[in-house]
Amino acid sequence: MWKGGFSRRTYRNGKEWEELRLAILIRDNYMCQECGRKGGTELHVHHIKPWRESMNNEKSNLLTLCQYCHKD
């Protein structure tokens, strides 16, 4: 069902994803956009519209969340 763009492997583990993830963390000042928690290894880059539905890795669909807010 792959429709091109990032493969699931690239999306999760590839150099392209790591570069994109770093760009989002920098853009969001290494701060959770929900609660304001800063830094640490518990920051996640979250898809606003889920990847499996949108296949969208555009920066406008990504934001930084801490591990606690990402669970909710």
C-alpha atoms as a PDB file:
ATOM      1  CA  MET A   1       0.000   0.000   0.000  1.00  0.00           C
ATOM      2  CA  TRP A   2       3.044   2.262  -0.132  1.00  0.00           C
ATOM      3  CA  LYS A   3       2.302   5.405  -2.137  1.00  0.00           C
ATOM      4  CA  GLY A   4       5.801   6.775  -2.613  1.00  0.00           C
ATOM      5  CA  GLY A   5       7.753   9.337  -0.608  1.00  0.00           C
ATOM      6  CA  PHE A   6       9.214   8.008   2.610  1.00  0.00           C
ATOM      7  CA  SER A   7       9.110   4.269   3.090  1.00  0.00           C
ATOM      8  CA  ARG A   8       8.137   3.126   6.572  1.00  0.00           C
ATOM      9  CA  ARG A   9      11.781   2.218   7.214  1.00  0.00           C
ATOM     10  CA  THR A  10      13.051   5.622   6.067  1.00  0.00           C
ATOM     11  CA  TYR A  11      10.306   7.361   8.007  1.00  0.00           C
ATOM     12  CA  ARG A  12      11.389   5.782  11.280  1.00  0.00           C
ATOM     13  CA  ASN A  13      15.106   5.130  10.957  1.00  0.00           C
ATOM     14  CA  GLY A  14      16.576   6.846   7.941  1.00  0.00           C
ATOM     15  CA  LYS A  15      18.844   9.835   7.615  1.00  0.00           C
ATOM     16  CA  GLU A  16      16.024  11.869   6.054  1.00  0.00           C
ATOM     17  CA  TRP A  17      13.802  11.373   9.114  1.00  0.00           C
ATOM     18  CA  GLU A  18      16.617  12.203  11.540  1.00  0.00           C
ATOM     19  CA  GLU A  19      17.330  15.443   9.662  1.00  0.00           C
ATOM     20  CA  LEU A  20      13.638  16.348   9.596  1.00  0.00           C
ATOM     21  CA  ARG A  21      13.225  15.456  13.280  1.00  0.00           C
ATOM     22  CA  LEU A  22      16.167  17.692  14.206  1.00  0.00           C
ATOM     23  CA  ALA A  23      14.725  20.557  12.131  1.00  0.00           C
ATOM     24  CA  ILE A  24      11.397  20.283  14.003  1.00  0.00           C
ATOM     25  CA  LEU A  25      13.110  20.167  17.416  1.00  0.00           C
ATOM     26  CA  ILE A  26      15.113  23.284  16.509  1.00  0.00           C
ATOM     27  CA  ARG A  27      12.026  25.050  15.136  1.00  0.00           C
ATOM     28  CA  ASP A  28      10.133  24.284  18.358  1.00  0.00           C
ATOM     29  CA  ASN A  29      13.114  25.324  20.510  1.00  0.00           C
ATOM     30  CA  TYR A  30      13.416  21.817  22.012  1.00  0.00           C
ATOM     31  CA  MET A  31      10.172  22.461  23.886  1.00  0.00           C
ATOM     32  CA  CYS A  32       6.942  20.483  24.142  1.00  0.00           C
ATOM     33  CA  GLN A  33       4.302  22.449  22.280  1.00  0.00           C
ATOM     34  CA  GLU A  34       1.609  21.181  24.648  1.00  0.00           C
ATOM     35  CA  CYS A  35       2.983  21.700  28.186  1.00  0.00           C
ATOM     36  CA  GLY A  36       6.206  23.686  27.645  1.00  0.00           C
ATOM     37  CA  ARG A  37       8.621  21.038  29.014  1.00  0.00           C
ATOM     38  CA  LYS A  38      12.111  21.737  27.637  1.00  0.00           C
ATOM     39  CA  GLY A  39      14.916  19.501  26.409  1.00  0.00           C
ATOM     40  CA  GLY A  40      15.845  16.030  27.470  1.00  0.00           C
ATOM     41  CA  THR A  41      15.709  12.745  25.671  1.00  0.00           C
ATOM     42  CA  GLU A  42      11.975  12.399  26.202  1.00  0.00           C
ATOM     43  CA  LEU A  43      11.037  14.764  23.343  1.00  0.00           C
ATOM     44  CA  HIS A  44       9.152  13.207  20.433  1.00  0.00           C
ATOM     45  CA  VAL A  45       8.268  14.610  17.025  1.00  0.00           C
ATOM     46  CA  HIS A  46       4.545  13.974  16.584  1.00  0.00           C
ATOM     47  CA  HIS A  47       2.437  13.835  13.417  1.00  0.00           C
ATOM     48  CA  ILE A  48      -0.665  16.012  13.802  1.00  0.00           C
ATOM     49  CA  LYS A  49      -2.466  13.981  11.130  1.00  0.00           C
ATOM     50  CA  PRO A  50      -1.301  10.391  11.679  1.00  0.00           C
ATOM     51  CA  TRP A  51       1.334   9.098   9.257  1.00  0.00           C
ATOM     52  CA  ARG A  52      -0.679   5.978   8.405  1.00  0.00           C
ATOM     53  CA  GLU A  53      -3.596   8.149   7.259  1.00  0.00           C
ATOM     54  CA  SER A  54      -1.829  11.096   5.657  1.00  0.00           C
ATOM     55  CA  MET A  55       1.655   9.835   4.674  1.00  0.00           C
ATOM     56  CA  ASN A  56       2.533  13.483   5.382  1.00  0.00           C
ATOM     57  CA  ASN A  57       5.965  14.410   6.713  1.00  0.00           C
ATOM     58  CA  GLU A  58       5.577  18.101   5.902  1.00  0.00           C
ATOM     59  CA  LYS A  59       6.861  20.401   8.646  1.00  0.00           C
ATOM     60  CA  SER A  60       3.371  21.837   9.038  1.00  0.00           C
ATOM     61  CA  ASN A  61       2.146  18.361  10.086  1.00  0.00           C
ATOM     62  CA  LEU A  62       4.843  17.872  12.751  1.00  0.00           C
ATOM     63  CA  LEU A  63       5.347  19.245  16.241  1.00  0.00           C
ATOM     64  CA  THR A  64       7.436  18.533  19.315  1.00  0.00           C
ATOM     65  CA  LEU A  65       5.785  16.820  22.281  1.00  0.00           C
ATOM     66  CA  CYS A  66       7.273  15.437  25.499  1.00  0.00           C
ATOM     67  CA  GLN A  67       6.779  11.742  26.188  1.00  0.00           C
ATOM     68  CA  TYR A  68       3.985  12.523  28.673  1.00  0.00           C
ATOM     69  CA  CYS A  69       1.920  14.680  26.298  1.00  0.00           C
ATOM     70  CA  HIS A  70       2.588  12.283  23.425  1.00  0.00           C
ATOM     71  CA  LYS A  71       0.852   9.503  25.382  1.00  0.00           C
ATOM     72  CA  ASP A  72      -2.397  11.490  25.739  1.00  0.00           C
END
